Amino acid sequence: MVQRHRRTGAADAVVVAAVTAVGLMAVATGCSGSGAVADGSGAVDPGDVVRKSADSLVRAGSSKANTSMEMASGGTRVTIRGTGVYDFGRQLGRFEVVLPRDPAGKAEHRPITELMSDGALYMKNRGAGVPADKWVRIETRSLSDGNLVTGGATDPLAAAELLRGARKVGFVGEERLGGTEVRHYRGVVDLRAAARAASAGQRGALGAAARKGFSKGSVPFDVYLDDRGRVRKVRQRFAVSDVNVASTTLLYGFGADVKVRLPAEEDIFAGKIAEQ
C-alpha cells in the first residue's frame, strides 16, 4: 500500500513542499506556420499566443529540458537544478535533480531521480529514511502546489499549462536563445483560470494549486516562444508560505526519445518518511 503523507494547517501551504522548498533547503510535431504569432505589431493578441503554447508543445511531441529552481527564505538562498526529457503527449518525464552543495562545496545528497507522470510524481534517492532501492510516490492532485514546486523541478507541461491562465500579457521583444530566434512575452497567470482551462491530465493538480497552494492567486511569468509557438524558456515566480520561488524551464531537442518505465508497486516505499 502506498502511504500518502498529508498535513493540515497554515504552516503546510504545500504538502510535500516541506520535503522540497523547505525540506530540500534543509538538506541543502506541428508545421512551422501552424499558428499566428504576436510580434508586437498589434495584429494578434499576445495573450492568445501565450495561452496556446501548451498545445504547441503537445504537437511537438517531446523535448529535452533543463530546470532551475531558486528558493529564498529569510537570508537563505539555494538553487536546485535538474536535467531530463519529457513526452508532452503521454505526459511522462524523467529528471535527475541535483541539490545544492554544502558551504564547503561538498555534495550532501545523491541526485534525486524523478519520474513525472499523469497525476503522480515518483522520487528515488529521496533520503529521509527511504531505502535507496525504493521509490516514493506522490499523487500530484494531493499536493497543494500541484507539483509546480514540490519536486524541485517544475513539471514542464504543468508550467506550460499554467500559461493557459495568462493575463495582462505584453510583447517584450525578439531575442536569440540558444541559437533560436524567440519572442519574449511577459504577464501574470490567474491560477484559477489556468486550472479551468487545463487539460484533463493537469486539471486536478493545477486545481489544487489554485485553491490552496500559494499565498497569492497570481503567478508572474516571462516566456520565450519560437516561430512554432513552442515554449523555449519559461520563468515563473511563486510565493509559497514564507518562501519565494523562481522556477525556470528550458526546452530544446524537440523530438527526443523519451523512455520512462514507472516503478512496480513492490518497488514503492510504503513506510513513514522521516522529518527533515
Protein backbone atom coordinates (compact mmCIF):
# COMPACT_ATOMS: atom_id res chain seq x y z
CA MET A 1 0.00 0.00 0.00
CA VAL A 2 1.26 3.46 -0.86
CA GLN A 3 1.15 5.81 2.08
CA ARG A 4 0.08 9.38 1.36
CA HIS A 5 1.69 11.99 3.55
CA ARG A 6 -0.69 14.86 4.23
CA ARG A 7 -0.75 17.55 6.87
CA THR A 8 -3.06 20.38 7.77
CA GLY A 9 -2.57 23.91 8.97
CA ALA A 10 -1.26 27.14 7.54
CA ALA A 11 2.33 26.06 8.10
CA ASP A 12 1.82 23.40 5.42
CA ALA A 13 0.91 25.58 2.46
CA VAL A 14 2.45 22.84 0.35
CA VAL A 15 2.06 19.20 1.42
CA VAL A 16 5.43 17.97 0.35
CA ALA A 17 7.00 21.36 -0.17
CA ALA A 18 8.41 20.77 3.29
CA VAL A 19 10.26 17.99 1.53
CA THR A 20 11.39 20.35 -1.20
CA ALA A 21 11.04 24.12 -0.98
CA VAL A 22 11.70 23.92 2.75
CA GLY A 23 12.98 20.34 3.15
CA LEU A 24 15.45 20.49 0.29
CA MET A 25 16.74 23.77 1.62
CA ALA A 26 17.28 21.93 4.83
CA VAL A 27 19.21 19.09 3.21
CA ALA A 28 20.67 21.61 1.03
CA THR A 29 5.05 17.82 -34.44
CA GLY A 30 3.15 20.76 -35.90
CA CYS A 31 4.31 22.51 -39.10
CA SER A 32 6.00 25.88 -38.98
CA GLY A 33 3.22 28.36 -39.67
CA SER A 34 0.72 26.26 -37.71
CA GLY A 35 -0.40 29.27 -35.66
CA ALA A 36 -0.28 33.05 -35.69
CA VAL A 37 2.45 34.71 -33.63
CA ALA A 38 2.17 38.11 -31.99
CA ASP A 39 5.17 40.22 -32.97
CA GLY A 40 4.37 43.46 -31.26
CA SER A 41 2.51 44.91 -34.26
CA GLY A 42 -0.85 44.55 -32.54
CA ALA A 43 -2.20 42.23 -35.26
CA VAL A 44 -2.54 39.30 -32.87
CA ASP A 45 -3.36 39.31 -29.18
CA PRO A 46 -0.14 38.22 -27.39
CA GLY A 47 -2.27 36.69 -24.64
CA ASP A 48 -3.87 34.29 -27.13
CA VAL A 49 -0.43 33.24 -28.40
CA VAL A 50 0.84 32.52 -24.90
CA ARG A 51 -2.29 30.67 -23.83
CA LYS A 52 -1.94 28.31 -26.81
CA SER A 53 1.72 27.47 -26.18
CA ALA A 54 0.91 24.27 -24.26
CA ASP A 55 -0.92 22.95 -27.35
CA SER A 56 2.18 23.67 -29.44
CA LEU A 57 4.27 21.53 -27.08
CA VAL A 58 1.84 18.62 -27.35
CA ARG A 59 2.09 18.85 -31.15
CA ALA A 60 5.89 18.86 -30.85
CA GLY A 61 5.74 15.50 -29.05
CA SER A 62 8.75 15.63 -26.74
CA SER A 63 11.89 17.51 -25.81
CA LYS A 64 14.92 17.65 -23.58
CA ALA A 65 14.74 20.02 -20.63
CA ASN A 66 16.87 21.85 -18.09
CA THR A 67 15.26 23.17 -14.94
CA SER A 68 16.35 25.57 -12.22
CA MET A 69 14.51 26.37 -9.01
CA GLU A 70 15.80 29.27 -6.92
CA MET A 71 14.38 29.45 -3.40
CA ALA A 72 14.81 32.27 -0.92
CA SER A 73 13.61 32.34 2.68
CA GLY A 74 14.93 34.95 5.07
CA GLY A 75 18.66 35.14 4.46
CA THR A 76 18.88 31.66 2.93
CA ARG A 77 19.00 31.21 -0.83
CA VAL A 78 19.52 27.92 -2.67
CA THR A 79 19.23 26.70 -6.26
CA ILE A 80 18.14 23.20 -7.28
CA ARG A 81 18.90 22.10 -10.85
CA GLY A 82 17.52 19.32 -13.00
CA THR A 83 18.06 17.77 -16.43
CA GLY A 84 15.83 15.36 -18.26
CA VAL A 85 13.41 14.56 -21.05
CA TYR A 86 9.65 14.94 -21.34
CA ASP A 87 6.93 13.45 -23.56
CA PHE A 88 4.14 16.04 -23.75
CA GLY A 89 1.65 13.73 -25.45
CA ARG A 90 1.96 10.97 -22.85
CA GLN A 91 2.65 13.43 -20.00
CA LEU A 92 5.69 11.45 -18.93
CA GLY A 93 9.13 12.70 -17.95
CA ARG A 94 12.36 11.65 -16.28
CA PHE A 95 14.72 14.05 -14.48
CA GLU A 96 17.86 13.99 -12.38
CA VAL A 97 17.57 16.69 -9.73
CA VAL A 98 20.75 17.94 -8.06
CA LEU A 99 20.59 19.57 -4.63
CA PRO A 100 22.89 22.41 -3.55
CA ARG A 101 26.33 21.63 -2.16
CA ASP A 102 27.25 22.41 1.42
CA PRO A 103 29.23 25.58 2.27
CA ALA A 104 32.49 23.68 1.76
CA GLY A 105 31.43 22.71 -1.77
CA LYS A 106 30.76 19.06 -0.98
CA ALA A 107 27.66 17.28 -2.24
CA GLU A 108 25.45 16.41 0.71
CA HIS A 109 22.95 14.25 -1.15
CA ARG A 110 22.89 11.99 -4.18
CA PRO A 111 20.93 13.33 -7.15
CA ILE A 112 17.23 12.57 -6.87
CA THR A 113 15.70 10.69 -9.80
CA GLU A 114 12.20 11.94 -10.52
CA LEU A 115 9.57 10.44 -12.79
CA MET A 116 6.67 12.69 -13.71
CA SER A 117 3.50 11.08 -14.97
CA ASP A 118 -0.13 11.99 -15.48
CA GLY A 119 -1.23 12.52 -11.88
CA ALA A 120 1.84 11.27 -10.00
CA LEU A 121 5.40 12.14 -9.02
CA TYR A 122 7.91 9.36 -8.25
CA MET A 123 11.16 10.13 -6.38
CA LYS A 124 14.20 7.88 -5.84
CA ASN A 125 17.22 8.62 -3.62
CA ARG A 126 14.78 10.68 -1.61
CA GLY A 127 16.60 10.09 1.68
CA ALA A 128 14.73 10.72 4.96
CA GLY A 129 14.65 7.04 5.85
CA VAL A 130 13.57 5.80 2.43
CA PRO A 131 15.66 2.78 1.30
CA ALA A 132 17.95 3.51 -1.65
CA ASP A 133 16.22 0.94 -3.85
CA LYS A 134 12.70 2.26 -3.21
CA TRP A 135 10.61 4.98 -4.81
CA VAL A 136 8.30 7.46 -3.13
CA ARG A 137 5.03 8.01 -5.00
CA ILE A 138 3.01 11.19 -4.51
CA GLU A 139 -0.32 11.98 -6.17
CA THR A 140 0.07 15.47 -7.61
CA ARG A 141 -3.55 16.40 -7.03
CA SER A 142 -2.92 15.81 -3.31
CA LEU A 143 -0.18 18.46 -3.37
CA SER A 144 -1.16 21.99 -2.52
CA ASP A 145 1.17 23.30 -5.25
CA GLY A 146 0.22 20.81 -7.95
CA ASN A 147 3.89 19.78 -8.33
CA LEU A 148 4.89 23.21 -9.59
CA VAL A 149 7.35 23.44 -6.69
CA THR A 150 7.31 20.18 -4.74
CA GLY A 151 9.75 18.10 -6.74
CA GLY A 152 12.40 20.80 -7.00
CA ALA A 153 11.85 20.65 -10.78
CA THR A 154 8.61 22.02 -12.21
CA ASP A 155 6.78 19.57 -14.47
CA PRO A 156 7.37 21.14 -17.93
CA LEU A 157 3.84 20.51 -19.14
CA ALA A 158 2.37 21.88 -15.91
CA ALA A 159 4.46 25.02 -16.39
CA ALA A 160 3.07 25.40 -19.92
CA GLU A 161 -0.49 24.54 -18.89
CA LEU A 162 -0.25 27.26 -16.26
CA LEU A 163 0.10 29.74 -19.13
CA ARG A 164 -3.47 28.93 -20.19
CA GLY A 165 -4.44 31.40 -17.46
CA ALA A 166 -2.17 34.17 -18.78
CA ARG A 167 -3.46 37.69 -18.25
CA LYS A 168 -2.06 41.20 -18.85
CA VAL A 169 0.34 39.76 -21.44
CA GLY A 170 2.73 42.10 -23.22
CA PHE A 171 5.21 41.57 -26.02
CA VAL A 172 8.70 42.44 -24.79
CA GLY A 173 10.70 41.89 -27.96
CA GLU A 174 12.58 39.48 -30.18
CA GLU A 175 15.67 37.77 -28.84
CA ARG A 176 18.04 34.92 -29.62
CA LEU A 177 18.07 31.98 -27.22
CA GLY A 178 20.42 29.03 -27.73
CA GLY A 179 20.78 29.81 -31.42
CA THR A 180 17.00 30.10 -31.92
CA GLU A 181 15.03 33.26 -32.64
CA VAL A 182 12.35 33.67 -29.98
CA ARG A 183 9.68 36.16 -28.97
CA HIS A 184 9.63 37.26 -25.35
CA TYR A 185 6.31 37.80 -23.58
CA ARG A 186 5.62 38.88 -20.02
CA GLY A 187 2.46 38.70 -17.95
CA VAL A 188 0.67 37.26 -14.95
CA VAL A 189 -1.11 33.92 -14.61
CA ASP A 190 -4.53 33.73 -12.99
CA LEU A 191 -4.28 30.36 -11.21
CA ARG A 192 -7.99 29.65 -11.19
CA ALA A 193 -8.34 30.47 -14.88
CA ALA A 194 -5.38 28.19 -15.65
CA ALA A 195 -6.94 25.32 -13.71
CA ARG A 196 -10.27 25.71 -15.52
CA ALA A 197 -8.58 25.73 -18.94
CA ALA A 198 -6.07 22.93 -18.23
CA SER A 199 -6.09 19.58 -20.00
CA ALA A 200 -7.64 16.62 -18.20
CA GLY A 201 -4.27 15.27 -17.11
CA GLN A 202 -3.22 18.53 -15.41
CA ARG A 203 -6.55 19.88 -14.20
CA GLY A 204 -6.56 18.15 -10.82
CA ALA A 205 -3.05 19.25 -9.87
CA LEU A 206 -3.46 22.84 -11.04
CA GLY A 207 -6.84 22.99 -9.35
CA ALA A 208 -5.15 22.13 -6.05
CA ALA A 209 -2.57 24.85 -6.64
CA ALA A 210 -5.30 27.38 -7.38
CA ARG A 211 -7.30 26.52 -4.25
CA LYS A 212 -4.58 26.46 -1.62
CA GLY A 213 -1.06 26.20 -2.94
CA PHE A 214 0.24 29.74 -2.99
CA SER A 215 -0.09 32.82 -0.85
CA LYS A 216 -1.03 34.83 -3.95
CA GLY A 217 -3.61 33.91 -6.57
CA SER A 218 -1.42 35.03 -9.44
CA VAL A 219 1.97 33.99 -10.83
CA PRO A 220 4.20 36.47 -12.72
CA PHE A 221 5.95 34.94 -15.73
CA ASP A 222 8.31 35.52 -18.63
CA VAL A 223 8.03 33.13 -21.57
CA TYR A 224 10.04 32.82 -24.80
CA LEU A 225 8.30 31.20 -27.79
CA ASP A 226 9.80 30.08 -31.10
CA ASP A 227 8.20 30.54 -34.54
CA ARG A 228 6.04 27.44 -33.98
CA GLY A 229 4.65 28.81 -30.75
CA ARG A 230 6.59 26.30 -28.65
CA VAL A 231 7.91 27.25 -25.24
CA ARG A 232 11.69 27.52 -25.32
CA LYS A 233 12.05 29.10 -21.90
CA VAL A 234 9.60 29.96 -19.17
CA ARG A 235 10.30 31.59 -15.83
CA GLN A 236 7.56 31.67 -13.20
CA ARG A 237 7.66 33.19 -9.72
CA PHE A 238 5.73 31.62 -6.85
CA ALA A 239 5.13 32.66 -3.24
CA VAL A 240 4.90 29.55 -1.04
CA SER A 241 4.26 30.38 2.60
CA ASP A 242 7.38 32.40 3.54
CA VAL A 243 9.46 31.03 0.65
CA ASN A 244 9.85 32.88 -2.67
CA VAL A 245 10.47 30.51 -5.56
CA ALA A 246 11.60 31.29 -9.10
CA SER A 247 11.27 28.30 -11.42
CA THR A 248 12.94 28.34 -14.85
CA THR A 249 12.46 25.66 -17.52
CA LEU A 250 14.47 25.48 -20.76
CA LEU A 251 13.19 23.23 -23.56
CA TYR A 252 15.30 22.09 -26.53
CA GLY A 253 16.00 18.99 -28.63
CA PHE A 254 12.39 18.57 -29.70
CA GLY A 255 11.55 15.04 -30.81
CA ALA A 256 13.91 13.50 -28.24
CA ASP A 257 13.46 9.84 -27.43
CA VAL A 258 11.73 9.55 -24.05
CA LYS A 259 11.89 6.21 -22.26
CA VAL A 260 10.13 6.18 -18.90
CA ARG A 261 9.26 2.99 -17.03
CA LEU A 262 7.15 3.62 -13.96
CA PRO A 263 8.04 1.63 -10.81
CA ALA A 264 6.20 -1.56 -9.95
CA GLU A 265 4.04 -1.49 -6.84
CA GLU A 266 6.54 -3.57 -4.87
CA ASP A 267 9.27 -1.01 -5.57
CA ILE A 268 7.31 1.84 -3.95
CA PHE A 269 8.08 2.72 -0.32
CA ALA A 270 5.07 2.34 1.94
CA GLY A 271 6.69 3.32 5.25
CA LYS A 272 6.98 6.58 7.10
CA ILE A 273 9.18 9.33 5.73
CA ALA A 274 11.38 10.83 8.43
CA GLU A 275 11.08 14.51 9.27
CA GLN A 276 13.83 16.66 7.74
